[in-house]
């Protein structure tokens, strides 16, 4: 009786795939990021081959199982590698900002959208100017625009994007951005960040409104001793959101704050000084002197996976 010849469909598929990739690479049809990933992933072929041989006589679909395990291994290692690289500071790419603010400007709107970047905002010591510097990797592209309108307002936008859809692993890394704002110009600041530390040292600034949304990381906000002039301030000056991390809000002793908390059912209790602040129903922290205070600030604070801390700083 003639024994049927056993073939391995998986090996034929792998040989065909490798041949196609070599052809595409020779034609420069594969993005450099994908080519880099494939070049690093070739040891997975050894894993697939070993499993295929090991499972050949044990499972009818042993080749398919080996292929799925190999693909899963490559995916997991890729995710870990990019995660580790993104946490390492880089300085391959730099972008600076230096803009004078006109004397007629009575409100400066600042909008920041950054990715894996640590951000710090402070008061400038260079008069009526906006200064900034981004330091990061070659896989970041920062677009900075400053414009003054004829209605007495100015706008500053800072956008960080990825120039390549498939970044090179060696070029990935964490960036940093420092922004210095003038003290004598009312400010409306908004920030959206993907991952990083956020430090807002706003002491001495004329802060009208502040909104930020940080997806992952921790934030420290130092509010100024300043009474907002914007009429909308009666409805609140903004919302602080840290989706995965802790948030610390520092309030001057001369300022009375009312913070509406959203802890997302985390069960983590807010940290505060019970001698200065009351913890009211509906998750509200309010200064005991709020009704009589000259400077009243109202903010919403959301931290579903972290601790909310309220600190009172001496003036």
Protein backbone atom coordinates (compact mmCIF):
# COMPACT_ATOMS: atom_id res chain seq x y z
CA UNK A 1 0.00 0.00 0.00
CA UNK A 2 1.37 3.31 -1.04
CA UNK A 3 1.72 5.87 1.78
CA UNK A 4 0.54 9.37 0.80
CA UNK A 5 3.28 11.93 0.75
CA UNK A 6 2.95 14.43 3.59
CA UNK A 7 3.41 18.07 2.70
CA UNK A 8 3.62 21.11 4.90
CA UNK A 9 1.47 23.93 3.57
CA UNK A 10 2.94 26.30 6.17
CA UNK A 11 6.46 26.05 4.78
CA UNK A 12 5.25 26.84 1.30
CA UNK A 13 3.32 29.83 2.60
CA UNK A 14 6.34 31.16 4.49
CA UNK A 15 8.66 30.77 1.52
CA UNK A 16 6.17 32.59 -0.70
CA UNK A 17 5.75 35.39 1.86
CA UNK A 18 9.52 35.86 2.22
CA UNK A 19 9.95 35.93 -1.56
CA UNK A 20 7.23 38.58 -1.93
CA UNK A 21 8.76 40.71 0.83
CA UNK A 22 12.22 40.50 -0.76
CA UNK A 23 10.73 41.58 -4.10
CA UNK A 24 8.87 44.52 -2.55
CA UNK A 25 11.94 45.58 -0.62
CA UNK A 26 14.03 45.56 -3.80
CA UNK A 27 11.42 47.84 -5.38
CA UNK A 28 11.46 50.17 -2.31
CA UNK A 29 7.73 49.52 -1.90
CA UNK A 30 7.83 48.78 1.83
CA UNK A 31 7.80 51.71 4.31
CA UNK A 32 11.04 51.95 6.21
CA UNK A 33 9.26 51.41 9.54
CA UNK A 34 7.71 48.13 8.39
CA UNK A 35 10.99 47.00 6.81
CA UNK A 36 12.75 47.70 10.10
CA UNK A 37 10.14 45.69 12.01
CA UNK A 38 10.35 42.76 9.60
CA UNK A 39 14.12 42.78 9.85
CA UNK A 40 13.86 42.45 13.62
CA UNK A 41 11.11 39.84 13.52
CA UNK A 42 12.87 37.19 11.45
CA UNK A 43 13.81 35.05 14.52
CA UNK A 44 10.09 34.37 14.84
CA UNK A 45 10.50 32.13 11.80
CA UNK A 46 12.60 29.81 13.95
CA UNK A 47 9.83 29.70 16.53
CA UNK A 48 7.24 28.91 13.86
CA UNK A 49 9.49 26.21 12.36
CA UNK A 50 10.17 24.59 15.72
CA UNK A 51 6.52 24.55 16.74
CA UNK A 52 5.47 23.30 13.34
CA UNK A 53 7.80 20.29 13.63
CA UNK A 54 6.83 19.69 17.26
CA UNK A 55 3.09 19.81 16.59
CA UNK A 56 3.07 18.11 13.21
CA UNK A 57 2.24 14.63 14.56
CA UNK A 58 0.19 15.92 17.51
CA UNK A 59 -2.34 18.27 15.95
CA UNK A 60 -3.96 18.24 12.55
CA UNK A 61 -3.72 22.03 12.48
CA UNK A 62 -0.29 22.16 14.09
CA UNK A 63 1.07 24.41 11.33
CA UNK A 64 -1.72 26.94 11.81
CA UNK A 65 -1.20 26.96 15.57
CA UNK A 66 2.53 27.54 15.07
CA UNK A 67 1.83 30.41 12.70
CA UNK A 68 -0.62 32.07 15.11
CA UNK A 69 1.82 31.70 18.02
CA UNK A 70 4.62 33.23 15.96
CA UNK A 71 2.47 36.19 14.89
CA UNK A 72 1.30 36.72 18.47
CA UNK A 73 4.89 36.62 19.71
CA UNK A 74 5.97 39.23 17.16
CA UNK A 75 3.03 41.46 18.10
CA UNK A 76 3.73 41.22 21.82
CA UNK A 77 7.45 41.89 21.45
CA UNK A 78 6.74 44.83 19.14
CA UNK A 79 4.38 46.40 21.67
CA UNK A 80 6.87 45.95 24.51
CA UNK A 81 9.76 47.32 22.45
CA UNK A 82 7.89 50.46 21.39
CA UNK A 83 6.61 50.99 24.92
CA UNK A 84 10.13 50.82 26.35
CA UNK A 85 11.55 53.07 23.65
CA UNK A 86 8.83 55.68 24.07
CA UNK A 87 9.81 56.10 27.72
CA UNK A 88 13.42 56.99 26.86
CA UNK A 89 14.16 60.74 26.43
CA UNK A 90 15.48 61.78 23.00
CA UNK A 91 17.02 64.99 21.70
CA UNK A 92 17.36 64.29 17.96
CA UNK A 93 14.74 66.88 17.02
CA UNK A 94 14.34 70.40 18.41
CA UNK A 95 11.89 73.22 17.77
CA UNK A 96 11.98 76.64 19.40
CA UNK A 97 9.38 79.36 19.90
CA UNK A 98 9.92 83.07 20.50
CA UNK A 99 7.07 85.48 19.85
CA UNK A 100 6.52 89.00 21.20
CA UNK A 101 2.97 89.72 22.34
CA UNK A 102 1.57 93.03 21.09
CA UNK A 103 0.64 95.76 23.55
CA UNK A 104 -2.96 95.74 22.30
CA UNK A 105 -3.49 92.06 23.15
CA UNK A 106 -5.91 91.59 26.06
CA UNK A 107 -6.37 87.80 25.82
CA UNK A 108 -3.98 85.07 24.71
CA UNK A 109 -5.49 81.71 23.85
CA UNK A 110 -3.02 78.83 24.16
CA UNK A 111 -3.84 75.42 22.70
CA UNK A 112 -1.40 72.54 23.09
CA UNK A 113 -1.77 69.04 21.61
CA UNK A 114 1.17 66.77 22.37
CA UNK A 115 1.91 63.04 22.30
CA UNK A 116 4.52 61.17 24.39
CA UNK A 117 5.88 64.38 25.83
CA UNK A 118 6.58 65.82 29.28
CA UNK A 119 5.16 69.35 29.46
CA UNK A 120 5.99 72.27 31.73
CA UNK A 121 4.36 75.71 31.65
CA UNK A 122 5.81 78.59 33.69
CA UNK A 123 5.87 82.38 33.79
CA UNK A 124 8.46 84.00 31.58
CA UNK A 125 11.06 86.41 32.89
CA UNK A 126 11.50 87.98 29.43
CA UNK A 127 8.74 90.58 29.57
CA UNK A 128 5.79 90.42 27.20
CA UNK A 129 6.91 87.42 25.18
CA UNK A 130 6.00 83.79 24.58
CA UNK A 131 8.99 81.44 24.67
CA UNK A 132 9.16 77.71 24.22
CA UNK A 133 11.33 74.76 23.27
CA UNK A 134 10.49 71.24 22.18
CA UNK A 135 13.13 68.52 22.43
CA UNK A 136 12.30 65.04 21.20
CA UNK A 137 12.84 62.33 18.63
CA UNK A 138 12.95 62.32 14.85
CA UNK A 139 9.58 60.58 14.91
CA UNK A 140 7.93 63.80 16.12
CA UNK A 141 6.91 66.82 14.10
CA UNK A 142 5.85 69.98 15.94
CA UNK A 143 3.83 72.67 14.23
CA UNK A 144 3.78 76.04 16.06
CA UNK A 145 1.52 78.90 14.99
CA UNK A 146 1.07 82.30 16.60
CA UNK A 147 -1.35 84.90 15.30
CA UNK A 148 -2.83 88.16 16.56
CA UNK A 149 -6.37 89.11 15.59
CA UNK A 150 -7.80 92.58 15.24
CA UNK A 151 -10.12 92.16 18.23
CA UNK A 152 -7.41 92.33 20.87
CA UNK A 153 -6.90 88.55 21.09
CA UNK A 154 -4.02 86.34 20.06
CA UNK A 155 -3.78 82.58 19.62
CA UNK A 156 -0.90 80.16 20.05
CA UNK A 157 -1.26 76.56 18.87
CA UNK A 158 1.31 73.82 19.28
CA UNK A 159 0.61 70.46 17.57
CA UNK A 160 2.82 67.40 17.79
CA UNK A 161 2.24 64.74 15.13
CA UNK A 162 4.01 61.66 13.78
CA UNK A 163 5.67 62.25 10.40
CA UNK A 164 5.69 58.52 9.64
CA UNK A 165 2.73 56.17 9.90
CA UNK A 166 5.18 53.35 10.74
CA UNK A 167 7.98 54.81 12.90
CA UNK A 168 11.48 53.40 13.18
CA UNK A 169 12.01 51.69 16.52
CA UNK A 170 15.47 53.25 17.01
CA UNK A 171 14.04 56.74 16.45
CA UNK A 172 11.13 56.53 18.90
CA UNK A 173 11.46 58.29 22.27
CA UNK A 174 9.96 60.66 24.81
CA UNK A 175 9.97 64.40 24.21
CA UNK A 176 9.83 67.43 26.47
CA UNK A 177 8.20 70.80 25.94
CA UNK A 178 8.69 73.91 28.08
CA UNK A 179 6.48 76.93 27.53
CA UNK A 180 6.98 80.35 29.13
CA UNK A 181 4.02 82.76 29.18
CA UNK A 182 3.90 86.50 29.98
CA UNK A 183 2.55 87.61 33.36
CA UNK A 184 0.58 90.67 32.24
CA UNK A 185 -1.60 89.07 29.53
CA UNK A 186 -4.86 87.29 30.46
CA UNK A 187 -4.66 83.62 29.44
CA UNK A 188 -7.05 80.94 28.23
CA UNK A 189 -5.05 77.68 28.23
CA UNK A 190 -6.07 74.24 26.97
CA UNK A 191 -3.92 71.13 26.74
CA UNK A 192 -4.36 67.60 25.43
CA UNK A 193 -1.63 65.03 25.96
CA UNK A 194 -1.24 61.34 25.21
CA UNK A 195 1.40 60.28 27.72
CA UNK A 196 3.79 62.16 29.99
CA UNK A 197 4.20 64.30 33.06
CA UNK A 198 2.35 67.61 33.16
CA UNK A 199 3.66 70.42 35.36
CA UNK A 200 1.73 73.69 35.30
CA UNK A 201 3.44 76.25 37.52
CA UNK A 202 1.04 79.12 36.83
CA UNK A 203 1.98 81.31 39.78
CA UNK A 204 2.11 84.97 38.80
CA UNK A 205 0.05 84.51 35.63
CA UNK A 206 -3.30 86.12 34.74
CA UNK A 207 -5.13 82.83 34.26
CA UNK A 208 -8.71 83.24 33.04
CA UNK A 209 -9.42 79.63 32.09
CA UNK A 210 -7.58 76.32 32.17
CA UNK A 211 -8.62 72.99 30.64
CA UNK A 212 -6.49 69.93 30.18
CA UNK A 213 -6.96 66.27 29.27
CA UNK A 214 -4.01 63.94 29.95
CA UNK A 215 -4.59 60.34 28.87
CA UNK A 216 -1.73 58.74 30.82
CA UNK A 217 0.63 60.28 33.34
CA UNK A 218 0.43 62.51 36.39
CA UNK A 219 -0.28 66.23 36.62
CA UNK A 220 0.69 68.96 39.09
CA UNK A 221 -1.18 72.27 38.82
CA UNK A 222 -0.16 75.37 40.78
CA UNK A 223 -2.91 77.97 40.43
CA UNK A 224 -2.12 81.69 40.63
CA UNK A 225 -3.31 84.28 43.10
CA UNK A 226 -5.48 85.91 40.46
CA UNK A 227 -9.14 86.85 40.18
CA UNK A 228 -10.46 86.02 36.70
CA UNK A 229 -12.06 88.89 34.80
CA UNK A 230 -13.94 86.75 32.29
CA UNK A 231 -17.71 86.76 32.99
CA UNK A 232 -17.85 83.02 32.25
CA UNK A 233 -15.83 82.43 35.41
CA UNK A 234 -19.09 82.31 37.38
CA UNK A 235 -19.74 78.94 35.73
CA UNK A 236 -16.23 77.70 36.42
CA UNK A 237 -12.78 78.26 35.03
CA UNK A 238 -12.32 74.85 33.45
CA UNK A 239 -11.88 71.10 33.91
CA UNK A 240 -8.78 69.04 34.77
CA UNK A 241 -8.80 65.46 33.45
CA UNK A 242 -6.15 62.80 34.10
CA UNK A 243 -7.48 59.52 32.74
CA UNK A 244 -4.75 57.23 34.09
CA UNK A 245 -2.65 58.85 36.80
CA UNK A 246 -2.63 61.12 39.82
CA UNK A 247 -3.40 64.83 39.94
CA UNK A 248 -2.25 67.41 42.48
CA UNK A 249 -3.87 70.85 42.62
CA UNK A 250 -2.01 73.55 44.56
CA UNK A 251 -4.02 76.59 45.61
CA UNK A 252 -2.61 79.76 47.25
CA UNK A 253 -3.79 80.33 50.80
CA UNK A 254 -5.46 83.60 49.75
CA UNK A 255 -7.55 81.82 47.11
CA UNK A 256 -10.75 79.89 47.85
CA UNK A 257 -11.42 76.99 45.50
CA UNK A 258 -14.42 74.84 44.83
CA UNK A 259 -13.46 71.58 43.13
CA UNK A 260 -16.13 69.28 41.71
CA UNK A 261 -14.55 65.83 41.69
CA UNK A 262 -15.15 62.93 39.35
CA UNK A 263 -13.36 59.86 40.67
CA UNK A 264 -15.01 57.45 38.24
CA UNK A 265 -15.84 54.94 40.94
CA UNK A 266 -12.16 54.34 41.71
CA UNK A 267 -12.78 54.38 45.45
CA UNK A 268 -9.64 56.43 46.06
CA UNK A 269 -10.37 59.14 48.60
CA UNK A 270 -9.16 62.70 47.91
CA UNK A 271 -6.29 64.03 49.97
CA UNK A 272 -6.85 67.49 51.50
CA UNK A 273 -6.54 69.58 54.67
CA UNK A 274 -9.81 69.22 56.55
CA UNK A 275 -9.05 72.35 58.58
CA UNK A 276 -9.17 74.50 55.43
CA UNK A 277 -11.52 72.60 53.11
CA UNK A 278 -14.87 70.87 53.49
CA UNK A 279 -15.71 67.63 51.73
CA UNK A 280 -19.32 68.15 50.68
CA UNK A 281 -21.95 65.91 49.12
CA UNK A 282 -21.67 65.11 45.41
CA UNK A 283 -17.87 64.86 45.65
CA UNK A 284 -17.14 68.55 46.15
CA UNK A 285 -14.13 70.06 47.92
CA UNK A 286 -14.84 73.62 48.96
CA UNK A 287 -12.79 76.09 50.98
CA UNK A 288 -14.39 76.85 54.35
CA UNK A 289 -13.93 80.55 53.53
CA UNK A 290 -15.34 80.24 50.01
CA UNK A 291 -18.41 82.48 50.39
CA UNK A 292 -16.45 85.33 51.96
CA UNK A 293 -13.29 85.04 49.83
CA UNK A 294 -12.29 87.80 47.42
CA UNK A 295 -10.82 85.32 44.94
CA UNK A 296 -13.05 82.34 44.15
CA UNK A 297 -12.06 79.62 41.69
CA UNK A 298 -14.28 76.81 40.41
CA UNK A 299 -12.83 73.81 38.59
CA UNK A 300 -13.84 70.27 37.77
CA UNK A 301 -11.29 67.54 38.49
CA UNK A 302 -11.52 64.07 36.93
CA UNK A 303 -9.19 61.20 37.87
CA UNK A 304 -10.85 57.76 37.46
CA UNK A 305 -7.65 55.76 38.09
CA UNK A 306 -5.61 57.99 40.38
CA UNK A 307 -5.56 60.04 43.54
CA UNK A 308 -6.74 63.64 43.68
CA UNK A 309 -4.67 65.76 46.06
CA UNK A 310 -5.46 69.34 47.08
CA UNK A 311 -2.62 71.33 48.63
CA UNK A 312 -2.81 74.83 50.10
CA UNK A 313 0.36 76.84 49.55
CA UNK A 314 1.29 79.78 51.71
CA UNK A 315 1.19 83.11 49.85
